[in-house]
Amino acid sequence: MLHRRGLLATPMLAALPLTGRAQAAWPDRPVRIIVGFPPGGSLDVMTRLAAEQMGQRLGQPFVVETRTGASGNIGAEALARATPDGYTIGTVSMHNLLINPHLFRQLPYDPDRDFAWISAMWDLPNVAVVPAQHVPAKTLAEFVTWAKARPGGVSYGSSGVGTTIHLSGAYLANRAGLDAQHVSFRGGAQTITAMLGGDIQYAVDNLASYVGVIQEGRMRALAVALPQRWPALPDVPTMAEAGLPGFEVSPWHLWAAPRGTPQAVVERLSAEVRAAWTDPALQQRAIGMGARLTGSTPEGLAARLTKEKPIWAEMVKVSGAQSE
């Protein structure tokens, strides 16, 4: 005959392994990944690569959902407002967390409070480039000397006010002491056309847009704005090697979840990303797409955001980019 105490304890004891199994079963249905920028761009393409990898590793589809608009703010807001159950994550640009707070008077999300950090995902290299036909400099130091001696100064191009490209070009001018004017274009293709025509003299732009003209010799790469040299351009120095230490200002992206997402899910996803990104073949595939796979712990991601916050705040200030 069972004692009353044993009968009362039985439901509690039975519940423990069920809870454990529920946690271990994640994910038991598709996971959506919110992307705040249009399909076909580097962020979308790299997100689909990551989704493919996570789907294979975790046995459930990772489905990309595009929510574009307001410089990525609509997607970031959708992620912040999503149910924190582990089935919604998002690819977030550092632009939304480190630059937009200085460009918009009010954001529909709080960059410091509304997200659970999962992992840094990839860096996209910015490269300082000059048109070979119109600028004789072969190194960054030579370019600075040439630009300072040029009557009327120089001009640099970007794909829009407040973009990392605009801020990087302005930051180079500020650090090097150049008299430089910003010219905004619709995208990298228009910036390249203007440089090749001699209308502007430099840009610090995404490498992916410039690989072809660099290989053709029409554009000269002076330095990459990364901590290490870019594998596809082994002879091009970093900004630090070229004489501007601390100039690590390339755009990068991360994975985050809504605040309150179970920590076990966050840790699992972070570990899976880091494990997947160690594959040399996948690393080479990403480099061919113009990205360097990073990966980090949630703590490492938080530390990187904290470290870069004052850098981008300074860059917005020196660029003169206006709030909206």
Protein backbone atom coordinates (compact mmCIF):
# COMPACT_ATOMS: atom_id res chain seq x y z
CA MET A 1 0.00 0.00 0.00
CA LEU A 2 1.37 3.39 -0.96
CA HIS A 3 1.78 6.09 1.66
CA ARG A 4 -0.05 9.39 1.17
CA ARG A 5 3.33 11.25 1.10
CA GLY A 6 4.47 9.06 -1.77
CA LEU A 7 1.28 9.74 -3.69
CA LEU A 8 1.71 13.48 -3.27
CA ALA A 9 5.33 13.37 -4.36
CA THR A 10 4.73 11.29 -7.48
CA PRO A 11 3.45 14.11 -9.76
CA MET A 12 6.36 16.34 -8.78
CA LEU A 13 8.93 13.66 -9.44
CA ALA A 14 7.33 12.76 -12.75
CA ALA A 15 7.41 16.37 -13.85
CA LEU A 16 11.17 16.72 -13.53
CA PRO A 17 12.24 14.52 -16.44
CA LEU A 18 9.45 15.99 -18.60
CA THR A 19 10.83 19.47 -18.01
CA GLY A 20 14.32 18.27 -18.84
CA ARG A 21 13.08 16.61 -22.01
CA ALA A 22 11.23 19.78 -23.04
CA GLN A 23 14.37 21.86 -22.69
CA ALA A 24 16.54 19.30 -24.45
CA ALA A 25 14.03 19.03 -27.31
CA TRP A 26 14.56 22.61 -28.50
CA PRO A 27 14.01 23.19 -31.33
CA ASP A 28 11.00 20.99 -31.98
CA ARG A 29 9.57 23.28 -34.69
CA PRO A 30 10.93 25.82 -37.21
CA VAL A 31 12.86 28.84 -35.98
CA ARG A 32 12.41 32.16 -37.77
CA ILE A 33 15.25 34.61 -38.35
CA ILE A 34 14.20 38.24 -38.80
CA VAL A 35 16.32 40.27 -41.22
CA GLY A 36 15.85 44.02 -41.39
CA PHE A 37 17.38 44.63 -44.82
CA PRO A 38 16.29 43.65 -48.35
CA PRO A 39 16.77 40.22 -49.95
CA GLY A 40 19.89 39.78 -52.05
CA GLY A 41 22.14 42.00 -49.95
CA SER A 42 25.13 40.75 -48.01
CA LEU A 43 23.19 40.55 -44.72
CA ASP A 44 20.42 38.48 -46.31
CA VAL A 45 22.81 36.19 -48.18
CA MET A 46 24.96 35.51 -45.12
CA THR A 47 21.88 34.93 -42.96
CA ARG A 48 20.69 32.26 -45.37
CA LEU A 49 24.10 30.59 -45.17
CA ALA A 50 23.84 30.56 -41.36
CA ALA A 51 20.23 29.32 -41.53
CA GLU A 52 21.32 26.45 -43.74
CA GLN A 53 24.02 25.45 -41.26
CA MET A 54 21.79 25.67 -38.19
CA GLY A 55 19.04 23.70 -39.91
CA GLN A 56 21.49 20.89 -40.62
CA ARG A 57 22.95 20.91 -37.12
CA LEU A 58 19.69 21.21 -35.16
CA GLY A 59 17.27 19.27 -37.33
CA GLN A 60 14.66 22.01 -37.82
CA PRO A 61 14.26 24.62 -40.57
CA PHE A 62 15.60 28.11 -39.82
CA VAL A 63 13.36 30.33 -41.92
CA VAL A 64 14.44 33.83 -42.97
CA GLU A 65 11.76 36.52 -42.63
CA THR A 66 12.46 39.93 -44.17
CA ARG A 67 11.21 43.04 -42.31
CA THR A 68 12.78 46.02 -44.05
CA GLY A 69 12.63 49.76 -43.58
CA ALA A 70 13.90 52.71 -41.53
CA SER A 71 17.57 51.76 -41.83
CA GLY A 72 16.95 48.36 -40.27
CA ASN A 73 14.92 49.72 -37.35
CA ILE A 74 11.71 47.95 -38.38
CA GLY A 75 13.39 44.56 -38.28
CA ALA A 76 15.08 45.32 -34.97
CA GLU A 77 11.75 46.41 -33.47
CA ALA A 78 10.05 43.22 -34.71
CA LEU A 79 12.75 41.16 -33.03
CA ALA A 80 12.54 43.12 -29.79
CA ARG A 81 8.74 42.66 -29.64
CA ALA A 82 8.74 38.95 -30.54
CA THR A 83 7.77 36.26 -28.04
CA PRO A 84 10.96 35.23 -26.19
CA ASP A 85 10.37 31.50 -26.53
CA GLY A 86 13.50 30.57 -28.49
CA TYR A 87 11.71 30.38 -31.84
CA THR A 88 12.46 33.90 -33.06
CA ILE A 89 15.97 35.25 -33.48
CA GLY A 90 17.34 37.97 -35.71
CA THR A 91 20.34 39.04 -37.71
CA VAL A 92 21.08 42.53 -36.42
CA SER A 93 23.52 45.01 -37.91
CA MET A 94 25.87 46.79 -35.54
CA HIS A 95 24.54 49.89 -37.34
CA ASN A 96 21.21 49.46 -35.51
CA LEU A 97 22.88 49.26 -32.11
CA LEU A 98 25.87 51.60 -32.36
CA ILE A 99 25.02 54.18 -35.05
CA ASN A 100 21.24 54.58 -35.28
CA PRO A 101 20.92 55.74 -31.65
CA HIS A 102 22.89 58.84 -32.74
CA LEU A 103 20.97 59.40 -35.99
CA PHE A 104 17.38 59.01 -34.79
CA ARG A 105 15.84 61.10 -32.04
CA GLN A 106 13.81 58.10 -30.93
CA LEU A 107 14.16 54.40 -31.68
CA PRO A 108 11.32 51.84 -31.43
CA TYR A 109 13.62 49.56 -29.38
CA ASP A 110 16.24 49.94 -26.67
CA PRO A 111 19.62 48.65 -27.91
CA ASP A 112 20.81 48.02 -24.34
CA ARG A 113 17.72 46.37 -22.86
CA ASP A 114 15.56 44.68 -25.49
CA PHE A 115 17.87 41.92 -26.73
CA ALA A 116 19.59 38.75 -25.58
CA TRP A 117 22.97 38.48 -27.30
CA ILE A 118 23.73 35.18 -29.02
CA SER A 119 26.89 35.52 -31.11
CA ALA A 120 28.84 37.79 -33.41
CA MET A 121 28.37 36.31 -36.89
CA TRP A 122 30.59 37.89 -39.57
CA ASP A 123 32.66 40.94 -40.45
CA LEU A 124 32.37 42.66 -43.82
CA PRO A 125 35.66 44.38 -44.70
CA ASN A 126 35.84 48.06 -45.51
CA VAL A 127 38.81 49.03 -47.66
CA ALA A 128 40.33 52.44 -48.37
CA VAL A 129 40.51 52.77 -52.15
CA VAL A 130 41.67 55.39 -54.65
CA PRO A 131 41.34 55.56 -58.45
CA ALA A 132 44.70 54.59 -59.94
CA GLN A 133 44.37 56.92 -62.93
CA HIS A 134 43.71 60.04 -60.86
CA VAL A 135 45.57 59.46 -57.57
CA PRO A 136 49.28 58.61 -57.75
CA ALA A 137 49.56 57.35 -54.14
CA LYS A 138 50.43 53.70 -53.66
CA THR A 139 50.26 53.69 -49.84
CA LEU A 140 48.02 55.35 -47.28
CA ALA A 141 50.86 57.59 -46.11
CA GLU A 142 51.49 58.73 -49.69
CA PHE A 143 47.81 59.43 -50.16
CA VAL A 144 47.66 61.59 -47.02
CA THR A 145 50.67 63.60 -48.19
CA TRP A 146 49.21 63.99 -51.68
CA ALA A 147 45.74 64.96 -50.38
CA LYS A 148 47.11 67.60 -48.01
CA ALA A 149 49.05 69.22 -50.84
CA ARG A 150 46.09 69.22 -53.23
CA PRO A 151 44.47 72.65 -53.72
CA GLY A 152 40.89 72.54 -52.54
CA GLY A 153 41.33 69.27 -50.67
CA VAL A 154 39.68 65.99 -51.64
CA SER A 155 36.23 64.41 -51.80
CA TYR A 156 35.09 60.98 -50.70
CA GLY A 157 31.97 59.00 -51.58
CA SER A 158 29.48 56.80 -49.75
CA SER A 159 26.11 55.14 -50.24
CA GLY A 160 24.30 57.54 -47.92
CA VAL A 161 24.49 59.83 -44.92
CA GLY A 162 25.09 57.95 -41.69
CA THR A 163 26.17 54.68 -43.30
CA THR A 164 29.32 52.97 -42.05
CA ILE A 165 30.88 53.96 -45.39
CA HIS A 166 30.13 57.64 -44.82
CA LEU A 167 31.38 57.49 -41.22
CA SER A 168 34.52 55.57 -42.21
CA GLY A 169 35.43 58.07 -44.93
CA ALA A 170 34.90 60.97 -42.54
CA TYR A 171 36.88 59.21 -39.82
CA LEU A 172 39.82 58.73 -42.16
CA ALA A 173 39.76 62.44 -43.00
CA ASN A 174 39.60 63.34 -39.31
CA ARG A 175 42.37 60.97 -38.22
CA ALA A 176 44.67 61.97 -41.08
CA GLY A 177 43.89 65.69 -40.87
CA LEU A 178 42.51 65.98 -44.39
CA ASP A 179 40.33 68.71 -45.86
CA ALA A 180 37.67 66.39 -47.27
CA GLN A 181 34.10 66.77 -48.49
CA HIS A 182 31.47 64.01 -48.40
CA VAL A 183 29.49 63.16 -51.56
CA SER A 184 26.51 60.81 -51.19
CA PHE A 185 25.53 58.32 -53.91
CA ARG A 186 22.84 55.65 -54.24
CA GLY A 187 25.33 52.81 -53.84
CA GLY A 188 28.81 51.45 -54.40
CA ALA A 189 28.44 51.26 -58.19
CA GLN A 190 27.79 55.00 -58.47
CA THR A 191 30.67 55.79 -56.10
CA ILE A 192 33.04 53.72 -58.25
CA THR A 193 31.89 55.49 -61.42
CA ALA A 194 32.53 58.88 -59.82
CA MET A 195 36.01 57.85 -58.67
CA LEU A 196 36.98 56.39 -62.01
CA GLY A 197 35.83 59.64 -63.61
CA GLY A 198 38.02 61.68 -61.28
CA ASP A 199 35.10 63.41 -59.55
CA ILE A 200 36.01 62.09 -56.09
CA GLN A 201 39.36 60.90 -54.81
CA TYR A 202 38.73 58.14 -52.26
CA ALA A 203 36.27 55.96 -50.38
CA VAL A 204 36.37 53.61 -47.42
CA ASP A 205 33.80 51.19 -48.75
CA ASN A 206 32.77 47.53 -48.64
CA LEU A 207 35.38 45.39 -50.35
CA ALA A 208 32.80 43.20 -52.08
CA SER A 209 31.85 46.10 -54.36
CA TYR A 210 35.46 46.77 -55.39
CA VAL A 211 37.10 43.39 -55.95
CA GLY A 212 36.69 43.52 -59.73
CA VAL A 213 38.08 47.04 -60.28
CA ILE A 214 40.93 46.36 -57.85
CA GLN A 215 41.89 43.20 -59.72
CA GLU A 216 41.71 45.11 -63.02
CA GLY A 217 44.11 47.71 -61.63
CA ARG A 218 41.67 50.59 -62.09
CA MET A 219 41.31 51.00 -58.32
CA ARG A 220 44.10 50.78 -55.76
CA ALA A 221 43.50 49.32 -52.30
CA LEU A 222 45.51 51.20 -49.64
CA ALA A 223 44.39 49.54 -46.38
CA VAL A 224 41.63 47.39 -44.89
CA ALA A 225 39.74 48.58 -41.81
CA LEU A 226 40.05 45.26 -40.00
CA PRO A 227 42.20 43.87 -37.16
CA GLN A 228 43.86 41.41 -39.60
CA ARG A 229 44.67 41.48 -43.29
CA TRP A 230 42.00 40.21 -45.64
CA PRO A 231 42.88 36.73 -47.01
CA ALA A 232 41.97 37.67 -50.58
CA LEU A 233 44.24 40.77 -50.42
CA PRO A 234 47.28 39.53 -48.50
CA ASP A 235 49.50 42.38 -49.72
CA VAL A 236 47.15 45.13 -48.53
CA PRO A 237 47.97 46.28 -44.98
CA THR A 238 45.53 46.91 -42.17
CA MET A 239 44.89 50.52 -41.17
CA ALA A 240 47.08 49.96 -38.11
CA GLU A 241 49.92 48.69 -40.25
CA ALA A 242 49.45 51.67 -42.57
CA GLY A 243 49.82 54.12 -39.68
CA LEU A 244 46.32 54.56 -38.23
CA PRO A 245 46.00 52.26 -35.17
CA GLY A 246 42.52 51.63 -33.82
CA PHE A 247 40.90 52.12 -37.23
CA GLU A 248 38.84 48.92 -37.14
CA VAL A 249 35.57 50.25 -38.48
CA SER A 250 34.14 47.70 -40.86
CA PRO A 251 30.45 46.78 -40.60
CA TRP A 252 29.57 43.52 -38.90
CA HIS A 253 26.48 41.59 -37.94
CA LEU A 254 25.31 39.52 -35.01
CA TRP A 255 22.57 37.21 -33.86
CA ALA A 256 20.27 38.26 -31.06
CA ALA A 257 16.99 37.14 -29.55
CA PRO A 258 14.25 38.99 -27.69
CA ARG A 259 15.14 39.78 -24.10
CA GLY A 260 13.88 36.96 -21.85
CA THR A 261 14.68 34.14 -24.28
CA PRO A 262 15.71 31.07 -22.21
CA GLN A 263 19.42 31.21 -21.49
CA ALA A 264 19.79 27.54 -22.38
CA VAL A 265 18.57 28.32 -25.93
CA VAL A 266 20.90 31.32 -26.22
CA GLU A 267 23.89 29.26 -25.09
CA ARG A 268 23.01 26.37 -27.38
CA LEU A 269 22.70 28.59 -30.43
CA SER A 270 25.94 30.38 -29.64
CA ALA A 271 27.79 27.08 -29.26
CA GLU A 272 26.35 25.73 -32.53
CA VAL A 273 27.36 28.87 -34.44
CA ARG A 274 30.90 28.73 -33.08
CA ALA A 275 31.20 25.03 -33.91
CA ALA A 276 29.87 25.50 -37.45
CA TRP A 277 32.17 28.45 -38.14
CA THR A 278 35.31 26.38 -37.43
CA ASP A 279 34.83 24.49 -40.72
CA PRO A 280 37.66 25.64 -43.07
CA ALA A 281 35.56 24.98 -46.17
CA LEU A 282 32.76 27.15 -44.80
CA GLN A 283 35.24 29.87 -43.90
CA GLN A 284 36.53 29.90 -47.48
CA ARG A 285 32.98 29.94 -48.81
CA ALA A 286 32.24 33.01 -46.70
CA ILE A 287 35.42 34.77 -47.83
CA GLY A 288 34.33 34.18 -51.41
CA MET A 289 31.09 35.96 -50.48
CA GLY A 290 33.02 38.90 -49.02
CA ALA A 291 32.67 38.08 -45.33
CA ARG A 292 34.82 36.76 -42.49
CA LEU A 293 33.06 34.37 -40.11
CA THR A 294 33.55 35.38 -36.49
CA GLY A 295 31.39 33.70 -33.85
CA SER A 296 31.55 34.50 -30.16
CA THR A 297 30.09 33.72 -26.79
CA PRO A 298 27.22 35.94 -25.67
CA GLU A 299 29.63 37.56 -23.22
CA GLY A 300 32.18 38.14 -25.96
CA LEU A 301 29.54 39.79 -28.14
CA ALA A 302 28.46 42.08 -25.30
CA ALA A 303 32.09 43.05 -24.71
CA ARG A 304 32.60 43.90 -28.39
CA LEU A 305 29.52 46.11 -28.45
CA THR A 306 30.71 47.92 -25.33
CA LYS A 307 34.19 48.40 -26.79
CA GLU A 308 32.94 49.82 -30.10
CA LYS A 309 30.19 52.05 -28.72
CA PRO A 310 32.42 55.11 -28.11
CA ILE A 311 34.27 54.58 -31.41
CA TRP A 312 31.11 54.81 -33.52
CA ALA A 313 29.74 57.64 -31.39
CA GLU A 314 32.90 59.60 -32.16
CA MET A 315 32.64 58.74 -35.85
CA VAL A 316 29.06 60.02 -36.04
CA LYS A 317 30.18 63.22 -34.34
CA VAL A 318 33.11 63.89 -36.63
CA SER A 319 31.09 62.99 -39.75
CA GLY A 320 28.46 65.63 -39.11
CA ALA A 321 25.70 63.13 -39.92
CA GLN A 322 22.33 64.66 -38.97
CA SER A 323 19.66 63.09 -36.77
CA GLU A 324 16.29 62.22 -38.21
